[in-house]
Amino acid sequence: MCGISSHNLPLIQASSGCACCSPQGNSAAEPTVAVDTAGAGHRSTQFKVTGMTCGHCVAGVSEKLGRLEDVADVAVDLVPNGVSTVTVYGTANISPEAVRAAVSEAGYKFAGTV
């Protein structure tokens, strides 16, 4: 269980602990970019991230990515102790380097493209 007791996010039990309590490093990978078909005019960028295990981890990554210029929304398909898919929706092309840096700053690792 997550070692951060002050947050109010749902937690997911993880056998190896919570990545928010023991973040991992970063490796280079290019995310895929596709046009959002929801009609909102946003572009979506998807990539894989490892090290997330709970709602607190998702919130940390989402917060860092949400601070990037032109980011409208972030969605995370959490796979505890596995490879999670992170989708960033933006009003313009979002720099893969900025996304990579934000994920790394949050304490997690790119695992490749979707």
PDB file of N, CA and C in Angstrom:
ATOM      1  N   MET A   1       0.847  -1.171   0.000  1.00  0.00           N
ATOM      2  CA  MET A   1       0.000   0.000   0.000  1.00  0.00           C
ATOM      3  C   MET A   1       0.890   1.229   0.000  1.00  0.00           C
ATOM      4  N   CYS A   2       0.385   2.299  -0.537  1.00  0.00           N
ATOM      5  CA  CYS A   2       1.123   3.547  -0.678  1.00  0.00           C
ATOM      6  C   CYS A   2       1.571   4.067   0.681  1.00  0.00           C
ATOM      7  N   GLY A   3       2.787   4.573   0.744  1.00  0.00           N
ATOM      8  CA  GLY A   3       3.318   5.113   1.979  1.00  0.00           C
ATOM      9  C   GLY A   3       2.895   6.548   2.245  1.00  0.00           C
ATOM     10  N   ILE A   4       2.160   7.142   1.308  1.00  0.00           N
ATOM     11  CA  ILE A   4       1.686   8.507   1.477  1.00  0.00           C
ATOM     12  C   ILE A   4       0.282   8.447   2.065  1.00  0.00           C
ATOM     13  N   SER A   5       0.137   8.739   3.338  1.00  0.00           N
ATOM     14  CA  SER A   5      -1.166   8.615   3.985  1.00  0.00           C
ATOM     15  C   SER A   5      -1.976   9.900   3.925  1.00  0.00           C
ATOM     16  N   SER A   6      -1.386  10.998   3.438  1.00  0.00           N
ATOM     17  CA  SER A   6      -2.089  12.268   3.456  1.00  0.00           C
ATOM     18  C   SER A   6      -2.968  12.501   2.236  1.00  0.00           C
ATOM     19  N   HIS A   7      -2.867  11.668   1.203  1.00  0.00           N
ATOM     20  CA  HIS A   7      -3.721  11.889   0.037  1.00  0.00           C
ATOM     21  C   HIS A   7      -5.042  11.146   0.172  1.00  0.00           C
ATOM     22  N   ASN A   8      -6.043  11.628  -0.537  1.00  0.00           N
ATOM     23  CA  ASN A   8      -7.379  11.056  -0.458  1.00  0.00           C
ATOM     24  C   ASN A   8      -7.727  10.252  -1.696  1.00  0.00           C
ATOM     25  N   LEU A   9      -6.749   9.775  -2.408  1.00  0.00           N
ATOM     26  CA  LEU A   9      -6.988   9.029  -3.634  1.00  0.00           C
ATOM     27  C   LEU A   9      -7.132   7.541  -3.336  1.00  0.00           C
ATOM     28  N   PRO A  10      -7.884   6.831  -4.170  1.00  0.00           N
ATOM     29  CA  PRO A  10      -7.990   5.391  -3.961  1.00  0.00           C
ATOM     30  C   PRO A  10      -6.634   4.726  -4.185  1.00  0.00           C
ATOM     31  N   LEU A  11      -6.372   3.722  -3.421  1.00  0.00           N
ATOM     32  CA  LEU A  11      -5.102   3.018  -3.527  1.00  0.00           C
ATOM     33  C   LEU A  11      -5.315   1.613  -4.058  1.00  0.00           C
ATOM     34  N   ILE A  12      -4.299   1.103  -4.715  1.00  0.00           N
ATOM     35  CA  ILE A  12      -4.325  -0.260  -5.221  1.00  0.00           C
ATOM     36  C   ILE A  12      -3.202  -1.005  -4.528  1.00  0.00           C
ATOM     37  N   GLN A  13      -3.512  -2.094  -3.880  1.00  0.00           N
ATOM     38  CA  GLN A  13      -2.496  -2.886  -3.192  1.00  0.00           C
ATOM     39  C   GLN A  13      -1.471  -3.395  -4.190  1.00  0.00           C
ATOM     40  N   ALA A  14      -0.221  -3.207  -3.903  1.00  0.00           N
ATOM     41  CA  ALA A  14       0.848  -3.647  -4.791  1.00  0.00           C
ATOM     42  C   ALA A  14       1.877  -4.417  -3.985  1.00  0.00           C
ATOM     43  N   SER A  15       2.307  -5.534  -4.500  1.00  0.00           N
ATOM     44  CA  SER A  15       3.222  -6.384  -3.752  1.00  0.00           C
ATOM     45  C   SER A  15       4.599  -5.754  -3.584  1.00  0.00           C
ATOM     46  N   SER A  16       5.012  -4.910  -4.513  1.00  0.00           N
ATOM     47  CA  SER A  16       6.350  -4.327  -4.422  1.00  0.00           C
ATOM     48  C   SER A  16       6.318  -2.911  -3.890  1.00  0.00           C
ATOM     49  N   GLY A  17       5.213  -2.469  -3.331  1.00  0.00           N
ATOM     50  CA  GLY A  17       5.121  -1.122  -2.812  1.00  0.00           C
ATOM     51  C   GLY A  17       4.611  -0.165  -3.864  1.00  0.00           C
ATOM     52  N   CYS A  18       4.603   1.073  -3.532  1.00  0.00           N
ATOM     53  CA  CYS A  18       4.053   2.111  -4.388  1.00  0.00           C
ATOM     54  C   CYS A  18       5.183   2.870  -5.074  1.00  0.00           C
ATOM     55  N   ALA A  19       5.071   3.044  -6.366  1.00  0.00           N
ATOM     56  CA  ALA A  19       6.111   3.754  -7.106  1.00  0.00           C
ATOM     57  C   ALA A  19       6.207   5.213  -6.692  1.00  0.00           C
ATOM     58  N   CYS A  20       5.119   5.774  -6.169  1.00  0.00           N
ATOM     59  CA  CYS A  20       5.190   7.170  -5.719  1.00  0.00           C
ATOM     60  C   CYS A  20       6.112   7.278  -4.508  1.00  0.00           C
ATOM     61  N   CYS A  21       6.333   6.177  -3.828  1.00  0.00           N
ATOM     62  CA  CYS A  21       7.226   6.169  -2.675  1.00  0.00           C
ATOM     63  C   CYS A  21       8.644   5.777  -3.065  1.00  0.00           C
ATOM     64  N   SER A  22       8.799   5.163  -4.237  1.00  0.00           N
ATOM     65  CA  SER A  22      10.123   4.767  -4.726  1.00  0.00           C
ATOM     66  C   SER A  22      10.153   4.882  -6.241  1.00  0.00           C
ATOM     67  N   PRO A  23      10.211   6.147  -6.780  1.00  0.00           N
ATOM     68  CA  PRO A  23      10.142   6.363  -8.223  1.00  0.00           C
ATOM     69  C   PRO A  23      11.318   5.760  -8.965  1.00  0.00           C
ATOM     70  N   GLN A  24      11.066   5.523 -10.262  1.00  0.00           N
ATOM     71  CA  GLN A  24      12.082   4.955 -11.140  1.00  0.00           C
ATOM     72  C   GLN A  24      12.602   6.021 -12.080  1.00  0.00           C
ATOM     73  N   GLY A  25      13.622   5.674 -12.855  1.00  0.00           N
ATOM     74  CA  GLY A  25      14.238   6.588 -13.803  1.00  0.00           C
ATOM     75  C   GLY A  25      13.492   6.673 -15.107  1.00  0.00           C
ATOM     76  N   ASN A  26      14.167   7.214 -16.142  1.00  0.00           N
ATOM     77  CA  ASN A  26      13.551   7.489 -17.429  1.00  0.00           C
ATOM     78  C   ASN A  26      14.365   6.848 -18.545  1.00  0.00           C
ATOM     79  N   SER A  27      13.703   6.464 -19.608  1.00  0.00           N
ATOM     80  CA  SER A  27      14.396   6.040 -20.816  1.00  0.00           C
ATOM     81  C   SER A  27      13.692   6.661 -21.999  1.00  0.00           C
ATOM     82  N   ALA A  28      14.408   6.846 -23.097  1.00  0.00           N
ATOM     83  CA  ALA A  28      13.844   7.512 -24.263  1.00  0.00           C
ATOM     84  C   ALA A  28      12.908   6.595 -25.034  1.00  0.00           C
ATOM     85  N   ALA A  29      11.817   7.169 -25.493  1.00  0.00           N
ATOM     86  CA  ALA A  29      10.873   6.471 -26.352  1.00  0.00           C
ATOM     87  C   ALA A  29       9.987   7.503 -27.007  1.00  0.00           C
ATOM     88  N   GLU A  30       9.636   7.307 -28.256  1.00  0.00           N
ATOM     89  CA  GLU A  30       8.766   8.224 -28.976  1.00  0.00           C
ATOM     90  C   GLU A  30       7.329   7.780 -28.833  1.00  0.00           C
ATOM     91  N   PRO A  31       6.449   8.650 -28.326  1.00  0.00           N
ATOM     92  CA  PRO A  31       5.037   8.299 -28.241  1.00  0.00           C
ATOM     93  C   PRO A  31       4.382   8.355 -29.609  1.00  0.00           C
ATOM     94  N   THR A  32       3.278   7.649 -29.778  1.00  0.00           N
ATOM     95  CA  THR A  32       2.520   7.723 -31.014  1.00  0.00           C
ATOM     96  C   THR A  32       1.558   8.890 -30.912  1.00  0.00           C
ATOM     97  N   VAL A  33       1.250   9.494 -32.045  1.00  0.00           N
ATOM     98  CA  VAL A  33       0.340  10.625 -32.077  1.00  0.00           C
ATOM     99  C   VAL A  33      -0.781  10.305 -33.045  1.00  0.00           C
ATOM    100  N   ALA A  34      -2.022  10.496 -32.603  1.00  0.00           N
ATOM    101  CA  ALA A  34      -3.187  10.234 -33.437  1.00  0.00           C
ATOM    102  C   ALA A  34      -4.189  11.359 -33.260  1.00  0.00           C
ATOM    103  N   VAL A  35      -5.030  11.565 -34.249  1.00  0.00           N
ATOM    104  CA  VAL A  35      -6.057  12.589 -34.153  1.00  0.00           C
ATOM    105  C   VAL A  35      -7.209  12.058 -33.315  1.00  0.00           C
ATOM    106  N   ASP A  36      -7.680  12.866 -32.377  1.00  0.00           N
ATOM    107  CA  ASP A  36      -8.799  12.512 -31.504  1.00  0.00           C
ATOM    108  C   ASP A  36     -10.074  12.424 -32.337  1.00  0.00           C
ATOM    109  N   THR A  37     -10.733  11.290 -32.295  1.00  0.00           N
ATOM    110  CA  THR A  37     -11.942  11.103 -33.083  1.00  0.00           C
ATOM    111  C   THR A  37     -13.194  11.515 -32.325  1.00  0.00           C
ATOM    112  N   ALA A  38     -13.061  12.027 -31.133  1.00  0.00           N
ATOM    113  CA  ALA A  38     -14.212  12.436 -30.337  1.00  0.00           C
ATOM    114  C   ALA A  38     -14.819  13.742 -30.837  1.00  0.00           C
ATOM    115  N   GLY A  39     -14.176  14.380 -31.803  1.00  0.00           N
ATOM    116  CA  GLY A  39     -14.713  15.596 -32.384  1.00  0.00           C
ATOM    117  C   GLY A  39     -14.372  16.861 -31.620  1.00  0.00           C
ATOM    118  N   ALA A  40     -13.569  16.784 -30.600  1.00  0.00           N
ATOM    119  CA  ALA A  40     -13.219  17.957 -29.806  1.00  0.00           C
ATOM    120  C   ALA A  40     -12.086  18.756 -30.432  1.00  0.00           C
ATOM    121  N   GLY A  41     -11.512  18.269 -31.515  1.00  0.00           N
ATOM    122  CA  GLY A  41     -10.410  18.964 -32.158  1.00  0.00           C
ATOM    123  C   GLY A  41      -9.087  18.780 -31.458  1.00  0.00           C
ATOM    124  N   HIS A  42      -9.015  17.907 -30.489  1.00  0.00           N
ATOM    125  CA  HIS A  42      -7.763  17.653 -29.786  1.00  0.00           C
ATOM    126  C   HIS A  42      -6.993  16.529 -30.452  1.00  0.00           C
ATOM    127  N   ARG A  43      -5.698  16.614 -30.322  1.00  0.00           N
ATOM    128  CA  ARG A  43      -4.836  15.522 -30.756  1.00  0.00           C
ATOM    129  C   ARG A  43      -4.522  14.692 -29.518  1.00  0.00           C
ATOM    130  N   SER A  44      -4.321  13.407 -29.721  1.00  0.00           N
ATOM    131  CA  SER A  44      -3.965  12.563 -28.584  1.00  0.00           C
ATOM    132  C   SER A  44      -2.586  11.969 -28.794  1.00  0.00           C
ATOM    133  N   THR A  45      -1.854  11.885 -27.706  1.00  0.00           N
ATOM    134  CA  THR A  45      -0.523  11.287 -27.703  1.00  0.00           C
ATOM    135  C   THR A  45      -0.562  10.153 -26.696  1.00  0.00           C
ATOM    136  N   GLN A  46      -0.200   8.931 -27.119  1.00  0.00           N
ATOM    137  CA  GLN A  46      -0.206   7.775 -26.224  1.00  0.00           C
ATOM    138  C   GLN A  46       1.197   7.219 -26.067  1.00  0.00           C
ATOM    139  N   PHE A  47       1.491   6.815 -24.851  1.00  0.00           N
ATOM    140  CA  PHE A  47       2.771   6.178 -24.573  1.00  0.00           C
ATOM    141  C   PHE A  47       2.631   5.278 -23.369  1.00  0.00           C
ATOM    142  N   LYS A  48       3.636   4.449 -23.166  1.00  0.00           N
ATOM    143  CA  LYS A  48       3.645   3.499 -22.055  1.00  0.00           C
ATOM    144  C   LYS A  48       4.523   4.038 -20.935  1.00  0.00           C
ATOM    145  N   VAL A  49       4.064   3.832 -19.704  1.00  0.00           N
ATOM    146  CA  VAL A  49       4.805   4.266 -18.524  1.00  0.00           C
ATOM    147  C   VAL A  49       4.823   3.123 -17.524  1.00  0.00           C
ATOM    148  N   THR A  50       5.972   2.875 -16.926  1.00  0.00           N
ATOM    149  CA  THR A  50       6.076   1.845 -15.890  1.00  0.00           C
ATOM    150  C   THR A  50       6.334   2.500 -14.536  1.00  0.00           C
ATOM    151  N   GLY A  51       6.024   1.755 -13.490  1.00  0.00           N
ATOM    152  CA  GLY A  51       6.308   2.199 -12.136  1.00  0.00           C
ATOM    153  C   GLY A  51       5.103   2.715 -11.375  1.00  0.00           C
ATOM    154  N   MET A  52       3.981   2.929 -12.048  1.00  0.00           N
ATOM    155  CA  MET A  52       2.794   3.415 -11.345  1.00  0.00           C
ATOM    156  C   MET A  52       2.046   2.229 -10.742  1.00  0.00           C
ATOM    157  N   THR A  53       1.567   2.411  -9.501  1.00  0.00           N
ATOM    158  CA  THR A  53       0.872   1.316  -8.828  1.00  0.00           C
ATOM    159  C   THR A  53      -0.452   1.712  -8.185  1.00  0.00           C
ATOM    160  N   CYS A  54      -0.734   3.023  -8.104  1.00  0.00           N
ATOM    161  CA  CYS A  54      -1.934   3.446  -7.376  1.00  0.00           C
ATOM    162  C   CYS A  54      -2.477   4.758  -7.910  1.00  0.00           C
ATOM    163  N   GLY A  55      -3.590   5.180  -7.339  1.00  0.00           N
ATOM    164  CA  GLY A  55      -4.210   6.433  -7.724  1.00  0.00           C
ATOM    165  C   GLY A  55      -3.318   7.644  -7.485  1.00  0.00           C
ATOM    166  N   HIS A  56      -2.499   7.586  -6.454  1.00  0.00           N
ATOM    167  CA  HIS A  56      -1.568   8.684  -6.176  1.00  0.00           C
ATOM    168  C   HIS A  56      -0.544   8.806  -7.293  1.00  0.00           C
ATOM    169  N   CYS A  57      -0.082   7.692  -7.801  1.00  0.00           N
ATOM    170  CA  CYS A  57       0.868   7.682  -8.918  1.00  0.00           C
ATOM    171  C   CYS A  57       0.228   8.306 -10.155  1.00  0.00           C
ATOM    172  N   VAL A  58      -0.994   7.898 -10.458  1.00  0.00           N
ATOM    173  CA  VAL A  58      -1.737   8.441 -11.599  1.00  0.00           C
ATOM    174  C   VAL A  58      -1.909   9.943 -11.447  1.00  0.00           C
ATOM    175  N   ALA A  59      -2.262  10.385 -10.252  1.00  0.00           N
ATOM    176  CA  ALA A  59      -2.458  11.808 -10.003  1.00  0.00           C
ATOM    177  C   ALA A  59      -1.168  12.596 -10.208  1.00  0.00           C
ATOM    178  N   GLY A  60      -0.050  12.046  -9.783  1.00  0.00           N
ATOM    179  CA  GLY A  60       1.237  12.725  -9.947  1.00  0.00           C
ATOM    180  C   GLY A  60       1.611  12.903 -11.399  1.00  0.00           C
ATOM    181  N   VAL A  61       1.460  11.846 -12.189  1.00  0.00           N
ATOM    182  CA  VAL A  61       1.770  11.919 -13.621  1.00  0.00           C
ATOM    183  C   VAL A  61       0.789  12.866 -14.312  1.00  0.00           C
ATOM    184  N   SER A  62      -0.493  12.744 -13.999  1.00  0.00           N
ATOM    185  CA  SER A  62      -1.509  13.593 -14.621  1.00  0.00           C
ATOM    186  C   SER A  62      -1.272  15.067 -14.300  1.00  0.00           C
ATOM    187  N   GLU A  63      -0.893  15.359 -13.068  1.00  0.00           N
ATOM    188  CA  GLU A  63      -0.630  16.741 -12.668  1.00  0.00           C
ATOM    189  C   GLU A  63       0.540  17.320 -13.449  1.00  0.00           C
ATOM    190  N   LYS A  64       1.645  16.584 -13.535  1.00  0.00           N
ATOM    191  CA  LYS A  64       2.822  17.078 -14.262  1.00  0.00           C
ATOM    192  C   LYS A  64       2.494  17.286 -15.731  1.00  0.00           C
ATOM    193  N   LEU A  65       1.802  16.332 -16.346  1.00  0.00           N
ATOM    194  CA  LEU A  65       1.462  16.459 -17.764  1.00  0.00           C
ATOM    195  C   LEU A  65       0.444  17.574 -17.981  1.00  0.00           C
ATOM    196  N   GLY A  66      -0.481  17.746 -17.046  1.00  0.00           N
ATOM    197  CA  GLY A  66      -1.495  18.780 -17.162  1.00  0.00           C
ATOM    198  C   GLY A  66      -0.940  20.187 -17.115  1.00  0.00           C
ATOM    199  N   ARG A  67       0.259  20.348 -16.609  1.00  0.00           N
ATOM    200  CA  ARG A  67       0.908  21.659 -16.544  1.00  0.00           C
ATOM    201  C   ARG A  67       1.585  22.048 -17.855  1.00  0.00           C
ATOM    202  N   LEU A  68       1.710  21.101 -18.783  1.00  0.00           N
ATOM    203  CA  LEU A  68       2.362  21.407 -20.056  1.00  0.00           C
ATOM    204  C   LEU A  68       1.481  22.318 -20.900  1.00  0.00           C
ATOM    205  N   GLU A  69       2.118  23.196 -21.652  1.00  0.00           N
ATOM    206  CA  GLU A  69       1.396  24.104 -22.542  1.00  0.00           C
ATOM    207  C   GLU A  69       0.588  23.305 -23.556  1.00  0.00           C
ATOM    208  N   ASP A  70      -0.628  23.724 -23.811  1.00  0.00           N
ATOM    209  CA  ASP A  70      -1.542  23.131 -24.795  1.00  0.00           C
ATOM    210  C   ASP A  70      -2.155  21.795 -24.385  1.00  0.00           C
ATOM    211  N   VAL A  71      -1.906  21.320 -23.157  1.00  0.00           N
ATOM    212  CA  VAL A  71      -2.531  20.074 -22.705  1.00  0.00           C
ATOM    213  C   VAL A  71      -3.939  20.384 -22.212  1.00  0.00           C
ATOM    214  N   ALA A  72      -4.924  19.668 -22.790  1.00  0.00           N
ATOM    215  CA  ALA A  72      -6.327  19.855 -22.404  1.00  0.00           C
ATOM    216  C   ALA A  72      -6.786  18.797 -21.409  1.00  0.00           C
ATOM    217  N   ASP A  73      -6.240  17.587 -21.504  1.00  0.00           N
ATOM    218  CA  ASP A  73      -6.679  16.504 -20.627  1.00  0.00           C
ATOM    219  C   ASP A  73      -5.642  15.390 -20.643  1.00  0.00           C
ATOM    220  N   VAL A  74      -5.663  14.572 -19.600  1.00  0.00           N
ATOM    221  CA  VAL A  74      -4.775  13.409 -19.486  1.00  0.00           C
ATOM    222  C   VAL A  74      -5.619  12.235 -19.018  1.00  0.00           C
ATOM    223  N   ALA A  75      -5.447  11.089 -19.657  1.00  0.00           N
ATOM    224  CA  ALA A  75      -6.129   9.864 -19.240  1.00  0.00           C
ATOM    225  C   ALA A  75      -5.085   8.782 -19.023  1.00  0.00           C
ATOM    226  N   VAL A  76      -5.246   8.014 -17.953  1.00  0.00           N
ATOM    227  CA  VAL A  76      -4.297   6.956 -17.630  1.00  0.00           C
ATOM    228  C   VAL A  76      -5.040   5.643 -17.481  1.00  0.00           C
ATOM    229  N   ASP A  77      -4.590   4.628 -18.208  1.00  0.00           N
ATOM    230  CA  ASP A  77      -5.085   3.267 -18.045  1.00  0.00           C
ATOM    231  C   ASP A  77      -4.058   2.566 -17.158  1.00  0.00           C
ATOM    232  N   LEU A  78      -4.314   2.568 -15.848  1.00  0.00           N
ATOM    233  CA  LEU A  78      -3.363   2.056 -14.862  1.00  0.00           C
ATOM    234  C   LEU A  78      -3.289   0.536 -14.882  1.00  0.00           C
ATOM    235  N   VAL A  79      -2.066   0.039 -14.957  1.00  0.00           N
ATOM    236  CA  VAL A  79      -1.779  -1.382 -14.797  1.00  0.00           C
ATOM    237  C   VAL A  79      -0.761  -1.464 -13.659  1.00  0.00           C
ATOM    238  N   PRO A  80      -1.228  -1.695 -12.424  1.00  0.00           N
ATOM    239  CA  PRO A  80      -0.322  -1.715 -11.281  1.00  0.00           C
ATOM    240  C   PRO A  80       0.828  -2.702 -11.482  1.00  0.00           C
ATOM    241  N   ASN A  81       2.039  -2.218 -11.214  1.00  0.00           N
ATOM    242  CA  ASN A  81       3.257  -3.017 -11.370  1.00  0.00           C
ATOM    243  C   ASN A  81       3.468  -3.508 -12.791  1.00  0.00           C
ATOM    244  N   GLY A  82       2.842  -2.880 -13.765  1.00  0.00           N
ATOM    245  CA  GLY A  82       2.986  -3.269 -15.159  1.00  0.00           C
ATOM    246  C   GLY A  82       3.208  -2.043 -16.019  1.00  0.00           C
ATOM    247  N   VAL A  83       2.780  -2.146 -17.265  1.00  0.00           N
ATOM    248  CA  VAL A  83       2.933  -1.051 -18.221  1.00  0.00           C
ATOM    249  C   VAL A  83       1.585  -0.354 -18.375  1.00  0.00           C
ATOM    250  N   SER A  84       1.507   0.877 -17.918  1.00  0.00           N
ATOM    251  CA  SER A  84       0.287   1.672 -18.009  1.00  0.00           C
ATOM    252  C   SER A  84       0.303   2.493 -19.293  1.00  0.00           C
ATOM    253  N   THR A  85      -0.882   2.736 -19.858  1.00  0.00           N
ATOM    254  CA  THR A  85      -0.997   3.570 -21.044  1.00  0.00           C
ATOM    255  C   THR A  85      -1.461   4.950 -20.617  1.00  0.00           C
ATOM    256  N   VAL A  86      -0.712   5.962 -21.018  1.00  0.00           N
ATOM    257  CA  VAL A  86      -1.035   7.349 -20.704  1.00  0.00           C
ATOM    258  C   VAL A  86      -1.373   8.052 -22.013  1.00  0.00           C
ATOM    259  N   THR A  87      -2.544   8.692 -22.061  1.00  0.00           N
ATOM    260  CA  THR A  87      -2.967   9.442 -23.234  1.00  0.00           C
ATOM    261  C   THR A  87      -3.061  10.908 -22.851  1.00  0.00           C
ATOM    262  N   VAL A  88      -2.386  11.756 -23.625  1.00  0.00           N
ATOM    263  CA  VAL A  88      -2.411  13.198 -23.408  1.00  0.00           C
ATOM    264  C   VAL A  88      -3.173  13.820 -24.566  1.00  0.00           C
ATOM    265  N   TYR A  89      -4.222  14.589 -24.244  1.00  0.00           N
ATOM    266  CA  TYR A  89      -5.015  15.292 -25.247  1.00  0.00           C
ATOM    267  C   TYR A  89      -4.612  16.753 -25.227  1.00  0.00           C
ATOM    268  N   GLY A  90      -4.366  17.309 -26.422  1.00  0.00           N
ATOM    269  CA  GLY A  90      -3.951  18.699 -26.479  1.00  0.00           C
ATOM    270  C   GLY A  90      -4.572  19.458 -27.624  1.00  0.00           C
ATOM    271  N   THR A  91      -4.497  20.777 -27.505  1.00  0.00           N
ATOM    272  CA  THR A  91      -5.047  21.652 -28.526  1.00  0.00           C
ATOM    273  C   THR A  91      -4.057  21.876 -29.670  1.00  0.00           C
ATOM    274  N   ALA A  92      -2.852  21.408 -29.514  1.00  0.00           N
ATOM    275  CA  ALA A  92      -1.808  21.524 -30.525  1.00  0.00           C
ATOM    276  C   ALA A  92      -0.887  20.321 -30.381  1.00  0.00           C
ATOM    277  N   ASN A  93       0.086  20.231 -31.267  1.00  0.00           N
ATOM    278  CA  ASN A  93       1.076  19.167 -31.118  1.00  0.00           C
ATOM    279  C   ASN A  93       1.850  19.398 -29.828  1.00  0.00           C
ATOM    280  N   ILE A  94       1.884  18.403 -28.986  1.00  0.00           N
ATOM    281  CA  ILE A  94       2.590  18.488 -27.715  1.00  0.00           C
ATOM    282  C   ILE A  94       3.948  17.838 -27.892  1.00  0.00           C
ATOM    283  N   SER A  95       4.977  18.542 -27.496  1.00  0.00           N
ATOM    284  CA  SER A  95       6.341  18.076 -27.675  1.00  0.00           C
ATOM    285  C   SER A  95       6.578  16.755 -26.940  1.00  0.00           C
ATOM    286  N   PRO A  96       6.996  15.705 -27.669  1.00  0.00           N
ATOM    287  CA  PRO A  96       7.311  14.436 -26.989  1.00  0.00           C
ATOM    288  C   PRO A  96       8.399  14.602 -25.928  1.00  0.00           C
ATOM    289  N   GLU A  97       9.330  15.517 -26.175  1.00  0.00           N
ATOM    290  CA  GLU A  97      10.393  15.751 -25.198  1.00  0.00           C
ATOM    291  C   GLU A  97       9.828  16.332 -23.906  1.00  0.00           C
ATOM    292  N   ALA A  98       8.840  17.217 -24.033  1.00  0.00           N
ATOM    293  CA  ALA A  98       8.215  17.806 -22.841  1.00  0.00           C
ATOM    294  C   ALA A  98       7.429  16.755 -22.070  1.00  0.00           C
ATOM    295  N   VAL A  99       6.736  15.885 -22.790  1.00  0.00           N
ATOM    296  CA  VAL A  99       5.974  14.809 -22.145  1.00  0.00           C
ATOM    297  C   VAL A  99       6.928  13.875 -21.418  1.00  0.00           C
ATOM    298  N   ARG A 100       8.000  13.492 -22.096  1.00  0.00           N
ATOM    299  CA  ARG A 100       9.004  12.597 -21.510  1.00  0.00           C
ATOM    300  C   ARG A 100       9.584  13.205 -20.241  1.00  0.00           C
ATOM    301  N   ALA A 101       9.906  14.498 -20.294  1.00  0.00           N
ATOM    302  CA  ALA A 101      10.491  15.176 -19.135  1.00  0.00           C
ATOM    303  C   ALA A 101       9.495  15.247 -17.975  1.00  0.00           C
ATOM    304  N   ALA A 102       8.219  15.509 -18.270  1.00  0.00           N
ATOM    305  CA  ALA A 102       7.208  15.597 -17.212  1.00  0.00           C
ATOM    306  C   ALA A 102       7.017  14.255 -16.521  1.00  0.00           C
ATOM    307  N   VAL A 103       6.982  13.177 -17.299  1.00  0.00           N
ATOM    308  CA  VAL A 103       6.837  11.836 -16.717  1.00  0.00           C
ATOM    309  C   VAL A 103       8.045  11.516 -15.838  1.00  0.00           C
ATOM    310  N   SER A 104       9.228  11.857 -16.322  1.00  0.00           N
ATOM    311  CA  SER A 104      10.442  11.623 -15.548  1.00  0.00           C
ATOM    312  C   SER A 104      10.446  12.456 -14.267  1.00  0.00           C
ATOM    313  N   GLU A 105      10.022  13.713 -14.370  1.00  0.00           N
ATOM    314  CA  GLU A 105       9.964  14.593 -13.198  1.00  0.00           C
ATOM    315  C   GLU A 105       8.985  14.057 -12.156  1.00  0.00           C
ATOM    316  N   ALA A 106       7.922  13.406 -12.627  1.00  0.00           N
ATOM    317  CA  ALA A 106       6.959  12.802 -11.706  1.00  0.00           C
ATOM    318  C   ALA A 106       7.529  11.551 -11.052  1.00  0.00           C
ATOM    319  N   GLY A 107       8.641  11.026 -11.593  1.00  0.00           N
ATOM    320  CA  GLY A 107       9.317   9.887 -10.978  1.00  0.00           C
ATOM    321  C   GLY A 107       9.034   8.547 -11.630  1.00  0.00           C
ATOM    322  N   TYR A 108       8.611   8.557 -12.882  1.00  0.00           N
ATOM    323  CA  TYR A 108       8.257   7.302 -13.556  1.00  0.00           C
ATOM    324  C   TYR A 108       9.053   7.150 -14.845  1.00  0.00           C
ATOM    325  N   LYS A 109       8.881   6.033 -15.510  1.00  0.00           N
ATOM    326  CA  LYS A 109       9.742   5.672 -16.628  1.00  0.00           C
ATOM    327  C   LYS A 109       8.944   5.383 -17.896  1.00  0.00           C
ATOM    328  N   PHE A 110       9.394   5.941 -19.017  1.00  0.00           N
ATOM    329  CA  PHE A 110       8.834   5.579 -20.313  1.00  0.00           C
ATOM    330  C   PHE A 110       9.188   4.144 -20.616  1.00  0.00           C
ATOM    331  N   ALA A 111       8.231   3.413 -21.179  1.00  0.00           N
ATOM    332  CA  ALA A 111       8.473   2.018 -21.548  1.00  0.00           C
ATOM    333  C   ALA A 111       8.265   1.798 -23.044  1.00  0.00           C
ATOM    334  N   GLY A 112       8.076   2.847 -23.800  1.00  0.00           N
ATOM    335  CA  GLY A 112       7.907   2.731 -25.248  1.00  0.00           C
ATOM    336  C   GLY A 112       6.601   3.316 -25.717  1.00  0.00           C
ATOM    337  N   THR A 113       6.335   3.105 -26.976  1.00  0.00           N
ATOM    338  CA  THR A 113       5.113   3.643 -27.563  1.00  0.00           C
ATOM    339  C   THR A 113       3.995   2.595 -27.547  1.00  0.00           C
ATOM    340  N   VAL A 114       2.784   3.079 -27.683  1.00  0.00           N
ATOM    341  CA  VAL A 114       1.609   2.202 -27.713  1.00  0.00           C
ATOM    342  C   VAL A 114       1.431   1.685 -29.116  1.00  0.00           C
TER     343      VAL A 114
END
